[in-house]
């Protein structure tokens, strides 16, 4: 039960209705800001359909960041500027140490306007994994950079943007549907 912000709207999705944003100040505040202990796993699953076929900046599907004693963050995004993975690849990142985080990058690129399914899994005792259209694309071992406590409260996950201490940025231009946080 999220809150639509900006010009975010409901539109026909992959299944029934979904969310649409134009990449400029549009997002859904999930109103969910968990406090994850050092033993909590978390996963994200969603369908997306991009309005662009190439990117010059990052666009987030889901993300949250808190600037505390340790910078903490979790995000699933398109690496639009190629600074983390490769240009237009999907990246899943998690961190609880200032300036360091674990990340896993897709092999596929987000360069069409078709519907795609993404699953990002953070298994605190094992690996971070990224699935694209039902195929495991990549995984990496979880390190001390992302296996600690992450208290996001009162900040919540933004859908279609990155919540940077309450300020939306890196908004996604396109549609999302069937978003799940486990």
Protein backbone atom coordinates (compact mmCIF):
# COMPACT_ATOMS: atom_id res chain seq x y z
CA UNK A 1 0.00 0.00 0.00
CA UNK A 2 2.35 2.66 -1.24
CA UNK A 3 1.82 6.37 -1.75
CA UNK A 4 2.06 7.76 -5.30
CA UNK A 5 4.28 10.85 -5.50
CA UNK A 6 4.77 13.36 -8.31
CA UNK A 7 3.02 12.38 -11.52
CA UNK A 8 3.27 8.65 -10.81
CA UNK A 9 0.15 6.90 -12.02
CA UNK A 10 -1.54 3.56 -12.45
CA UNK A 11 -1.58 2.09 -15.93
CA UNK A 12 -2.08 -1.26 -17.62
CA UNK A 13 0.75 -3.47 -16.39
CA UNK A 14 2.11 -6.89 -17.22
CA UNK A 15 -0.73 -8.38 -15.15
CA UNK A 16 -3.68 -6.08 -14.48
CA UNK A 17 -2.64 -2.60 -13.39
CA UNK A 18 0.90 -1.43 -12.69
CA UNK A 19 2.84 1.74 -11.94
CA UNK A 20 4.13 4.25 -14.48
CA UNK A 21 6.59 7.08 -14.02
CA UNK A 22 8.16 9.47 -16.51
CA UNK A 23 11.62 9.57 -14.90
CA UNK A 24 11.14 13.01 -13.36
CA UNK A 25 10.00 13.24 -9.71
CA UNK A 26 7.66 10.23 -10.01
CA UNK A 27 7.85 7.32 -7.59
CA UNK A 28 5.90 5.28 -5.11
CA UNK A 29 6.82 5.51 -1.43
CA UNK A 30 6.41 1.93 -0.19
CA UNK A 31 5.99 3.13 3.40
CA UNK A 32 8.20 0.15 4.31
CA UNK A 33 11.48 0.99 6.04
CA UNK A 34 12.70 -2.16 7.69
CA UNK A 35 15.32 -2.60 10.35
CA UNK A 36 17.28 -5.59 9.07
CA UNK A 37 19.42 -7.44 11.58
CA UNK A 38 22.74 -8.97 10.60
CA UNK A 39 20.90 -12.28 10.06
CA UNK A 40 17.98 -11.05 7.90
CA UNK A 41 17.74 -11.97 4.22
CA UNK A 42 15.86 -9.74 1.77
CA UNK A 43 14.70 -10.25 -1.81
CA UNK A 44 13.00 -8.13 -4.47
CA UNK A 45 10.96 -9.30 -7.44
CA UNK A 46 9.23 -7.20 -10.11
CA UNK A 47 8.35 -6.82 -13.76
CA UNK A 48 9.51 -3.73 -15.64
CA UNK A 49 9.07 -2.20 -19.07
CA UNK A 50 11.42 0.69 -19.84
CA UNK A 51 10.47 3.68 -21.97
CA UNK A 52 14.11 4.08 -23.08
CA UNK A 53 16.54 1.91 -24.99
CA UNK A 54 19.71 3.60 -23.70
CA UNK A 55 20.60 5.61 -20.62
CA UNK A 56 22.99 8.39 -19.64
CA UNK A 57 22.28 8.24 -15.89
CA UNK A 58 21.27 5.60 -13.37
CA UNK A 59 17.56 4.82 -13.01
CA UNK A 60 16.36 2.97 -9.93
CA UNK A 61 13.67 0.31 -9.80
CA UNK A 62 13.80 0.27 -5.99
CA UNK A 63 16.19 1.77 -3.48
CA UNK A 64 16.87 3.32 -0.09
CA UNK A 65 19.89 5.02 1.51
CA UNK A 66 20.46 6.40 5.01
CA UNK A 67 23.43 8.57 5.86
CA UNK A 68 24.21 7.49 9.40
CA UNK A 69 27.44 6.65 11.21
CA UNK A 70 27.70 3.98 8.50
CA UNK A 71 26.13 4.72 5.14
CA UNK A 72 23.58 1.96 4.51
CA UNK A 73 21.82 1.27 1.24
CA UNK A 74 20.07 -1.31 -0.90
CA UNK A 75 19.16 -0.71 -4.54
CA UNK A 76 18.21 -2.42 -7.78
CA UNK A 77 18.84 -0.11 -10.71
CA UNK A 78 19.91 0.36 -14.30
CA UNK A 79 23.57 1.40 -14.39
CA UNK A 80 22.91 4.10 -16.94
CA UNK A 81 26.32 5.72 -16.80
CA UNK A 82 28.32 2.48 -16.61
CA UNK A 83 30.03 3.55 -13.39
CA UNK A 84 29.28 0.39 -11.37
CA UNK A 85 28.78 -2.44 -13.88
CA UNK A 86 28.55 -1.84 -17.58
CA UNK A 87 26.45 0.69 -19.40
CA UNK A 88 22.73 -0.18 -19.19
CA UNK A 89 23.28 -3.32 -17.09
CA UNK A 90 21.13 -4.01 -14.06
CA UNK A 91 22.93 -3.79 -10.73
CA UNK A 92 21.83 -5.01 -7.29
CA UNK A 93 23.86 -3.40 -4.52
CA UNK A 94 23.81 -3.55 -0.74
CA UNK A 95 26.06 -1.94 1.81
CA UNK A 96 26.42 -1.11 5.47
CA UNK A 97 29.90 0.40 5.46
CA UNK A 98 30.59 3.94 4.30
CA UNK A 99 31.97 3.91 0.79
CA UNK A 100 31.86 0.12 0.37
CA UNK A 101 29.13 -2.23 -0.75
CA UNK A 102 28.60 -5.59 -2.37
CA UNK A 103 27.15 -5.63 -5.85
CA UNK A 104 26.08 -8.08 -8.52
CA UNK A 105 25.63 -7.10 -12.17
CA UNK A 106 23.46 -8.61 -14.85
CA UNK A 107 24.90 -9.97 -18.06
CA UNK A 108 21.85 -8.66 -19.93
CA UNK A 109 21.34 -4.99 -20.69
CA UNK A 110 18.18 -2.94 -20.34
CA UNK A 111 18.10 -1.77 -23.95
CA UNK A 112 14.58 -2.51 -25.17
CA UNK A 113 11.01 -1.65 -24.30
CA UNK A 114 9.79 -5.21 -23.63
CA UNK A 115 8.55 -6.55 -20.30
CA UNK A 116 11.29 -8.18 -18.20
CA UNK A 117 11.24 -9.97 -14.85
CA UNK A 118 13.95 -9.24 -12.27
CA UNK A 119 14.63 -11.04 -8.98
CA UNK A 120 17.37 -9.83 -6.64
CA UNK A 121 18.22 -12.05 -3.65
CA UNK A 122 20.41 -11.06 -0.69
CA UNK A 123 21.12 -14.24 1.30
CA UNK A 124 23.03 -12.86 4.26
CA UNK A 125 24.88 -16.14 4.87
CA UNK A 126 25.77 -16.80 1.26
CA UNK A 127 25.37 -14.83 -1.92
CA UNK A 128 23.73 -11.92 -3.63
CA UNK A 129 22.05 -13.20 -6.80
CA UNK A 130 20.45 -11.46 -9.75
CA UNK A 131 17.95 -13.21 -12.04
CA UNK A 132 16.79 -11.73 -15.37
CA UNK A 133 13.76 -13.24 -17.12
CA UNK A 134 14.03 -16.39 -14.99
CA UNK A 135 17.73 -17.01 -15.60
CA UNK A 136 20.42 -16.63 -12.93
CA UNK A 137 22.64 -14.01 -14.54
CA UNK A 138 25.22 -13.54 -11.81
CA UNK A 139 25.97 -13.92 -8.14
CA UNK A 140 28.66 -12.86 -5.69
CA UNK A 141 29.60 -13.77 -2.16
CA UNK A 142 28.26 -11.57 0.62
CA UNK A 143 31.09 -9.84 2.50
CA UNK A 144 31.34 -7.66 5.59
CA UNK A 145 30.41 -4.73 3.33
CA UNK A 146 26.77 -5.86 3.27
CA UNK A 147 26.18 -8.43 6.01
CA UNK A 148 25.65 -6.06 8.92
CA UNK A 149 22.60 -4.46 10.50
CA UNK A 150 20.68 -2.05 8.28
CA UNK A 151 18.17 0.15 10.09
CA UNK A 152 16.38 2.06 7.36
CA UNK A 153 13.58 3.31 9.62
CA UNK A 154 12.16 5.92 9.20
CA UNK A 155 13.35 5.94 5.56
CA UNK A 156 11.37 3.63 3.29
CA UNK A 157 12.01 1.89 -0.01
CA UNK A 158 11.02 4.01 -3.00
CA UNK A 159 9.70 2.21 -6.09
CA UNK A 160 10.82 3.92 -9.27
CA UNK A 161 13.44 6.05 -7.51
CA UNK A 162 16.27 5.94 -4.99
CA UNK A 163 15.32 7.28 -1.55
CA UNK A 164 18.39 9.27 -0.49
CA UNK A 165 17.54 10.20 3.11
CA UNK A 166 14.02 11.23 2.07
CA UNK A 167 14.90 12.83 -1.25
CA UNK A 168 13.99 10.94 -4.45
CA UNK A 169 16.58 10.72 -7.19
CA UNK A 170 17.52 8.49 -10.12
CA UNK A 171 13.85 8.11 -11.10
CA UNK A 172 12.89 5.30 -13.47
CA UNK A 173 11.21 6.16 -16.79
CA UNK A 174 8.81 3.32 -17.49
CA UNK A 175 6.41 0.83 -15.94
CA UNK A 176 6.70 -1.61 -13.06
CA UNK A 177 4.31 -4.32 -12.02
CA UNK A 178 3.95 -7.05 -9.41
CA UNK A 179 6.62 -5.55 -7.12
CA UNK A 180 7.39 -7.78 -4.15
CA UNK A 181 9.74 -7.41 -1.18
CA UNK A 182 10.45 -10.62 0.73
